[in-house]
């Protein structure tokens, strides 16, 4: 039996063309899947980058919101930060009037103080107060510091240092009108003003 190639040639061509077409389609599908996979990986990478930046910004935002803004509010609440229109000289006078009144009410043998000029750095004003106290015993000093630090004032009063020096070798309990210790304390008062609230 002899094969009639002329009769089956169109079928062979159709089959060969179909096989080639199927191979091309399979290759294109594989290429398309690789392209989609590459796009997916790129989008995952971009999403992870954006998510990492978002998480970092969220941390910074939380830090500002929870720490810095709370600290700023605390500074405003204790009177350290004031509006620009505040009269610093007037507040300084009020502070030292309150200190003088407090010192007179405390059990001190002697109380002298000196006040420095106002120093201004940027928007922060600072005044230094030096107290020289004659006291009967150490608890008088602690009581004085506690009273001064609790004064209702605008601004921030800070105890910088305090030293205590005995004035007599022996304490005579019959002489309670004499100072047996001399305390030297340095406090500073700070007040900041903001251009914008």
C-alpha atoms as a PDB file:
ATOM      1  CA  UNK A   1       0.000   0.000   0.000  1.00  0.00           C
ATOM      2  CA  UNK A   2       1.274   3.268  -1.039  1.00  0.00           C
ATOM      3  CA  UNK A   3       0.671   6.457   1.028  1.00  0.00           C
ATOM      4  CA  UNK A   4      -0.949   9.273  -0.832  1.00  0.00           C
ATOM      5  CA  UNK A   5       1.039  12.161   0.567  1.00  0.00           C
ATOM      6  CA  UNK A   6      -0.918  14.656  -1.441  1.00  0.00           C
ATOM      7  CA  UNK A   7      -4.108  13.647   0.377  1.00  0.00           C
ATOM      8  CA  UNK A   8      -2.637  13.722   3.893  1.00  0.00           C
ATOM      9  CA  UNK A   9      -0.306  16.681   3.406  1.00  0.00           C
ATOM     10  CA  UNK A  10      -2.969  19.274   4.339  1.00  0.00           C
ATOM     11  CA  UNK A  11      -3.757  17.293   7.515  1.00  0.00           C
ATOM     12  CA  UNK A  12      -0.049  17.048   8.400  1.00  0.00           C
ATOM     13  CA  UNK A  13       0.347  20.791   7.804  1.00  0.00           C
ATOM     14  CA  UNK A  14      -2.684  21.537   9.989  1.00  0.00           C
ATOM     15  CA  UNK A  15      -1.286  19.204  12.692  1.00  0.00           C
ATOM     16  CA  UNK A  16       2.211  20.745  12.477  1.00  0.00           C
ATOM     17  CA  UNK A  17       0.740  24.241  12.518  1.00  0.00           C
ATOM     18  CA  UNK A  18      -1.432  23.323  15.522  1.00  0.00           C
ATOM     19  CA  UNK A  19       1.575  21.877  17.376  1.00  0.00           C
ATOM     20  CA  UNK A  20       3.658  24.968  16.619  1.00  0.00           C
ATOM     21  CA  UNK A  21       0.739  27.199  17.637  1.00  0.00           C
ATOM     22  CA  UNK A  22       0.299  25.187  20.894  1.00  0.00           C
ATOM     23  CA  UNK A  23       4.028  25.487  21.624  1.00  0.00           C
ATOM     24  CA  UNK A  24       3.904  29.239  20.957  1.00  0.00           C
ATOM     25  CA  UNK A  25       0.773  29.605  23.123  1.00  0.00           C
ATOM     26  CA  UNK A  26       2.396  27.583  25.942  1.00  0.00           C
ATOM     27  CA  UNK A  27       5.568  29.695  25.650  1.00  0.00           C
ATOM     28  CA  UNK A  28       3.543  32.945  25.698  1.00  0.00           C
ATOM     29  CA  UNK A  29       1.536  31.709  28.702  1.00  0.00           C
ATOM     30  CA  UNK A  30       4.790  30.886  30.517  1.00  0.00           C
ATOM     31  CA  UNK A  31       6.212  34.304  29.595  1.00  0.00           C
ATOM     32  CA  UNK A  32       2.978  36.009  30.737  1.00  0.00           C
ATOM     33  CA  UNK A  33       3.051  34.102  34.051  1.00  0.00           C
ATOM     34  CA  UNK A  34       6.679  35.113  34.579  1.00  0.00           C
ATOM     35  CA  UNK A  35       5.763  38.723  33.786  1.00  0.00           C
ATOM     36  CA  UNK A  36       2.827  38.574  36.236  1.00  0.00           C
ATOM     37  CA  UNK A  37       5.071  36.973  38.875  1.00  0.00           C
ATOM     38  CA  UNK A  38       7.692  39.711  38.373  1.00  0.00           C
ATOM     39  CA  UNK A  39       4.991  42.388  38.671  1.00  0.00           C
ATOM     40  CA  UNK A  40       3.622  40.687  41.789  1.00  0.00           C
ATOM     41  CA  UNK A  41       7.081  40.541  43.399  1.00  0.00           C
ATOM     42  CA  UNK A  42       7.709  44.195  42.511  1.00  0.00           C
ATOM     43  CA  UNK A  43       4.335  45.217  43.978  1.00  0.00           C
ATOM     44  CA  UNK A  44       4.991  43.162  47.148  1.00  0.00           C
ATOM     45  CA  UNK A  45       8.390  44.857  47.474  1.00  0.00           C
ATOM     46  CA  UNK A  46       6.843  48.307  46.918  1.00  0.00           C
ATOM     47  CA  UNK A  47       4.078  47.531  49.408  1.00  0.00           C
ATOM     48  CA  UNK A  48       6.624  46.353  52.000  1.00  0.00           C
ATOM     49  CA  UNK A  49       8.675  49.531  51.431  1.00  0.00           C
ATOM     50  CA  UNK A  50       5.592  51.740  51.770  1.00  0.00           C
ATOM     51  CA  UNK A  51       4.431  49.739  54.818  1.00  0.00           C
ATOM     52  CA  UNK A  52       7.861  50.091  56.469  1.00  0.00           C
ATOM     53  CA  UNK A  53       7.811  53.854  55.813  1.00  0.00           C
ATOM     54  CA  UNK A  54       4.258  54.044  57.159  1.00  0.00           C
ATOM     55  CA  UNK A  55       5.226  52.122  60.317  1.00  0.00           C
ATOM     56  CA  UNK A  56       8.218  54.444  60.803  1.00  0.00           C
ATOM     57  CA  UNK A  57       6.041  57.535  60.331  1.00  0.00           C
ATOM     58  CA  UNK A  58       3.461  56.059  62.710  1.00  0.00           C
ATOM     59  CA  UNK A  59       6.155  55.529  65.342  1.00  0.00           C
ATOM     60  CA  UNK A  60       7.347  59.109  64.901  1.00  0.00           C
ATOM     61  CA  UNK A  61       3.763  60.387  65.014  1.00  0.00           C
ATOM     62  CA  UNK A  62       3.053  58.378  68.183  1.00  0.00           C
ATOM     63  CA  UNK A  63       6.289  59.615  69.723  1.00  0.00           C
ATOM     64  CA  UNK A  64       5.378  63.221  68.955  1.00  0.00           C
ATOM     65  CA  UNK A  65       1.785  62.750  70.069  1.00  0.00           C
ATOM     66  CA  UNK A  66       2.485  60.750  73.215  1.00  0.00           C
ATOM     67  CA  UNK A  67       5.814  62.142  74.338  1.00  0.00           C
ATOM     68  CA  UNK A  68       6.625  65.531  72.915  1.00  0.00           C
ATOM     69  CA  UNK A  69       3.094  66.954  72.867  1.00  0.00           C
ATOM     70  CA  UNK A  70       2.465  65.611  76.378  1.00  0.00           C
ATOM     71  CA  UNK A  71       5.750  67.154  77.543  1.00  0.00           C
ATOM     72  CA  UNK A  72       4.806  70.427  75.863  1.00  0.00           C
ATOM     73  CA  UNK A  73       1.408  70.322  77.597  1.00  0.00           C
ATOM     74  CA  UNK A  74       3.128  69.598  80.931  1.00  0.00           C
ATOM     75  CA  UNK A  75       5.445  72.583  80.418  1.00  0.00           C
ATOM     76  CA  UNK A  76       2.438  74.757  79.615  1.00  0.00           C
ATOM     77  CA  UNK A  77       0.536  73.440  82.632  1.00  0.00           C
ATOM     78  CA  UNK A  78       3.346  74.204  85.079  1.00  0.00           C
ATOM     79  CA  UNK A  79       3.625  77.664  83.600  1.00  0.00           C
ATOM     80  CA  UNK A  80       7.042  77.323  81.962  1.00  0.00           C
ATOM     81  CA  UNK A  81       5.702  78.154  78.499  1.00  0.00           C
ATOM     82  CA  UNK A  82       3.695  81.373  78.213  1.00  0.00           C
ATOM     83  CA  UNK A  83       2.137  83.457  75.489  1.00  0.00           C
ATOM     84  CA  UNK A  84       4.375  86.044  73.877  1.00  0.00           C
ATOM     85  CA  UNK A  85       2.410  88.893  75.458  1.00  0.00           C
ATOM     86  CA  UNK A  86       3.358  88.001  79.071  1.00  0.00           C
ATOM     87  CA  UNK A  87       5.211  90.665  81.029  1.00  0.00           C
ATOM     88  CA  UNK A  88       8.325  88.879  82.329  1.00  0.00           C
ATOM     89  CA  UNK A  89       9.299  91.672  84.717  1.00  0.00           C
ATOM     90  CA  UNK A  90       5.842  91.588  86.290  1.00  0.00           C
ATOM     91  CA  UNK A  91       5.980  87.779  86.677  1.00  0.00           C
ATOM     92  CA  UNK A  92       9.487  88.029  88.139  1.00  0.00           C
ATOM     93  CA  UNK A  93       8.280  90.576  90.703  1.00  0.00           C
ATOM     94  CA  UNK A  94       5.340  88.307  91.630  1.00  0.00           C
ATOM     95  CA  UNK A  95       7.725  85.367  92.059  1.00  0.00           C
ATOM     96  CA  UNK A  96      10.070  87.187  94.388  1.00  0.00           C
ATOM     97  CA  UNK A  97       7.210  88.719  96.353  1.00  0.00           C
ATOM     98  CA  UNK A  98       5.918  85.174  96.959  1.00  0.00           C
ATOM     99  CA  UNK A  99       9.422  83.973  97.894  1.00  0.00           C
ATOM    100  CA  UNK A 100       9.892  86.873 100.323  1.00  0.00           C
ATOM    101  CA  UNK A 101       6.479  86.231 101.907  1.00  0.00           C
ATOM    102  CA  UNK A 102       7.257  82.502 102.224  1.00  0.00           C
ATOM    103  CA  UNK A 103      10.672  83.134 103.812  1.00  0.00           C
ATOM    104  CA  UNK A 104       9.063  85.359 106.472  1.00  0.00           C
ATOM    105  CA  UNK A 105       6.622  82.590 107.414  1.00  0.00           C
ATOM    106  CA  UNK A 106       9.282  79.880 107.767  1.00  0.00           C
ATOM    107  CA  UNK A 107      11.238  79.062 110.946  1.00  0.00           C
ATOM    108  CA  UNK A 108      14.478  80.696 109.809  1.00  0.00           C
ATOM    109  CA  UNK A 109      16.905  82.589 112.017  1.00  0.00           C
ATOM    110  CA  UNK A 110      18.128  84.729 109.101  1.00  0.00           C
ATOM    111  CA  UNK A 111      17.161  84.817 105.437  1.00  0.00           C
ATOM    112  CA  UNK A 112      18.985  86.866 102.831  1.00  0.00           C
ATOM    113  CA  UNK A 113      18.721  86.524  99.112  1.00  0.00           C
ATOM    114  CA  UNK A 114      20.215  87.999  95.992  1.00  0.00           C
ATOM    115  CA  UNK A 115      18.657  88.041  92.543  1.00  0.00           C
ATOM    116  CA  UNK A 116      20.554  88.116  89.261  1.00  0.00           C
ATOM    117  CA  UNK A 117      19.559  90.070  86.193  1.00  0.00           C
ATOM    118  CA  UNK A 118      17.297  88.381  83.665  1.00  0.00           C
ATOM    119  CA  UNK A 119      19.272  86.479  81.049  1.00  0.00           C
ATOM    120  CA  UNK A 120      17.516  85.642  77.811  1.00  0.00           C
ATOM    121  CA  UNK A 121      18.452  82.798  75.478  1.00  0.00           C
ATOM    122  CA  UNK A 122      16.223  82.533  72.398  1.00  0.00           C
ATOM    123  CA  UNK A 123      12.715  82.646  73.919  1.00  0.00           C
ATOM    124  CA  UNK A 124      13.740  81.502  77.420  1.00  0.00           C
ATOM    125  CA  UNK A 125      14.323  83.974  80.235  1.00  0.00           C
ATOM    126  CA  UNK A 126      16.319  82.939  83.289  1.00  0.00           C
ATOM    127  CA  UNK A 127      16.852  84.584  86.664  1.00  0.00           C
ATOM    128  CA  UNK A 128      19.058  83.151  89.386  1.00  0.00           C
ATOM    129  CA  UNK A 129      18.164  83.399  93.072  1.00  0.00           C
ATOM    130  CA  UNK A 130      20.821  82.868  95.750  1.00  0.00           C
ATOM    131  CA  UNK A 131      19.521  82.196  99.265  1.00  0.00           C
ATOM    132  CA  UNK A 132      21.701  82.494 102.370  1.00  0.00           C
ATOM    133  CA  UNK A 133      19.797  81.063 105.319  1.00  0.00           C
ATOM    134  CA  UNK A 134      20.630  80.848 108.997  1.00  0.00           C
ATOM    135  CA  UNK A 135      18.827  77.804 110.376  1.00  0.00           C
ATOM    136  CA  UNK A 136      18.539  75.928 113.632  1.00  0.00           C
ATOM    137  CA  UNK A 137      18.627  72.421 112.117  1.00  0.00           C
ATOM    138  CA  UNK A 138      18.548  70.624 108.754  1.00  0.00           C
ATOM    139  CA  UNK A 139      14.797  70.109 108.668  1.00  0.00           C
ATOM    140  CA  UNK A 140      14.364  73.903 108.458  1.00  0.00           C
ATOM    141  CA  UNK A 141      16.247  73.826 105.165  1.00  0.00           C
ATOM    142  CA  UNK A 142      14.140  70.964 103.787  1.00  0.00           C
ATOM    143  CA  UNK A 143      10.945  72.716 104.829  1.00  0.00           C
ATOM    144  CA  UNK A 144      12.108  75.949 103.168  1.00  0.00           C
ATOM    145  CA  UNK A 145      12.990  74.202  99.892  1.00  0.00           C
ATOM    146  CA  UNK A 146       9.665  72.301  99.864  1.00  0.00           C
ATOM    147  CA  UNK A 147       7.691  75.521 100.424  1.00  0.00           C
ATOM    148  CA  UNK A 148       9.571  77.403  97.707  1.00  0.00           C
ATOM    149  CA  UNK A 149       9.283  74.593  95.165  1.00  0.00           C
ATOM    150  CA  UNK A 150       5.514  74.375  95.813  1.00  0.00           C
ATOM    151  CA  UNK A 151       4.876  78.081  95.172  1.00  0.00           C
ATOM    152  CA  UNK A 152       2.035  78.699  92.687  1.00  0.00           C
ATOM    153  CA  UNK A 153       4.015  80.655  90.117  1.00  0.00           C
ATOM    154  CA  UNK A 154       4.277  81.071  86.386  1.00  0.00           C
ATOM    155  CA  UNK A 155       7.455  79.545  85.098  1.00  0.00           C
ATOM    156  CA  UNK A 156       9.729  76.808  86.278  1.00  0.00           C
ATOM    157  CA  UNK A 157      11.637  77.097  89.563  1.00  0.00           C
ATOM    158  CA  UNK A 158      14.597  74.726  89.776  1.00  0.00           C
ATOM    159  CA  UNK A 159      16.856  74.014  92.728  1.00  0.00           C
ATOM    160  CA  UNK A 160      20.356  74.002  91.253  1.00  0.00           C
ATOM    161  CA  UNK A 161      22.419  73.341  94.383  1.00  0.00           C
ATOM    162  CA  UNK A 162      22.347  73.639  98.127  1.00  0.00           C
ATOM    163  CA  UNK A 163      25.152  73.420 100.690  1.00  0.00           C
ATOM    164  CA  UNK A 164      24.967  73.260 104.464  1.00  0.00           C
ATOM    165  CA  UNK A 165      27.735  74.456 106.774  1.00  0.00           C
ATOM    166  CA  UNK A 166      27.773  74.136 110.580  1.00  0.00           C
ATOM    167  CA  UNK A 167      28.351  77.419 112.426  1.00  0.00           C
ATOM    168  CA  UNK A 168      29.045  75.970 115.871  1.00  0.00           C
ATOM    169  CA  UNK A 169      30.820  72.873 117.081  1.00  0.00           C
ATOM    170  CA  UNK A 170      28.268  72.199 119.803  1.00  0.00           C
ATOM    171  CA  UNK A 171      24.544  72.775 119.875  1.00  0.00           C
ATOM    172  CA  UNK A 172      23.110  74.334 123.007  1.00  0.00           C
ATOM    173  CA  UNK A 173      19.437  73.370 123.258  1.00  0.00           C
ATOM    174  CA  UNK A 174      18.791  76.376 125.510  1.00  0.00           C
ATOM    175  CA  UNK A 175      19.787  78.788 122.731  1.00  0.00           C
ATOM    176  CA  UNK A 176      17.275  78.222 119.962  1.00  0.00           C
ATOM    177  CA  UNK A 177      17.362  81.772 118.667  1.00  0.00           C
ATOM    178  CA  UNK A 178      20.840  81.329 117.192  1.00  0.00           C
ATOM    179  CA  UNK A 179      21.636  79.785 113.815  1.00  0.00           C
ATOM    180  CA  UNK A 180      23.639  76.590 114.114  1.00  0.00           C
ATOM    181  CA  UNK A 181      23.826  76.035 110.355  1.00  0.00           C
ATOM    182  CA  UNK A 182      24.235  78.229 107.340  1.00  0.00           C
ATOM    183  CA  UNK A 183      22.593  77.067 104.117  1.00  0.00           C
ATOM    184  CA  UNK A 184      23.560  78.451 100.738  1.00  0.00           C
ATOM    185  CA  UNK A 185      21.130  77.533  97.960  1.00  0.00           C
ATOM    186  CA  UNK A 186      20.986  78.547  94.331  1.00  0.00           C
ATOM    187  CA  UNK A 187      17.687  78.353  92.478  1.00  0.00           C
ATOM    188  CA  UNK A 188      16.887  79.386  88.947  1.00  0.00           C
ATOM    189  CA  UNK A 189      13.597  80.565  87.525  1.00  0.00           C
ATOM    190  CA  UNK A 190      12.875  79.953  83.861  1.00  0.00           C
ATOM    191  CA  UNK A 191      10.093  81.272  81.695  1.00  0.00           C
ATOM    192  CA  UNK A 192       9.657  80.538  77.994  1.00  0.00           C
ATOM    193  CA  UNK A 193       7.487  82.374  75.503  1.00  0.00           C
ATOM    194  CA  UNK A 194       6.136  81.028  72.236  1.00  0.00           C
ATOM    195  CA  UNK A 195       5.557  83.102  69.146  1.00  0.00           C
ATOM    196  CA  UNK A 196       2.627  80.846  68.217  1.00  0.00           C
ATOM    197  CA  UNK A 197       0.392  78.819  70.521  1.00  0.00           C
END
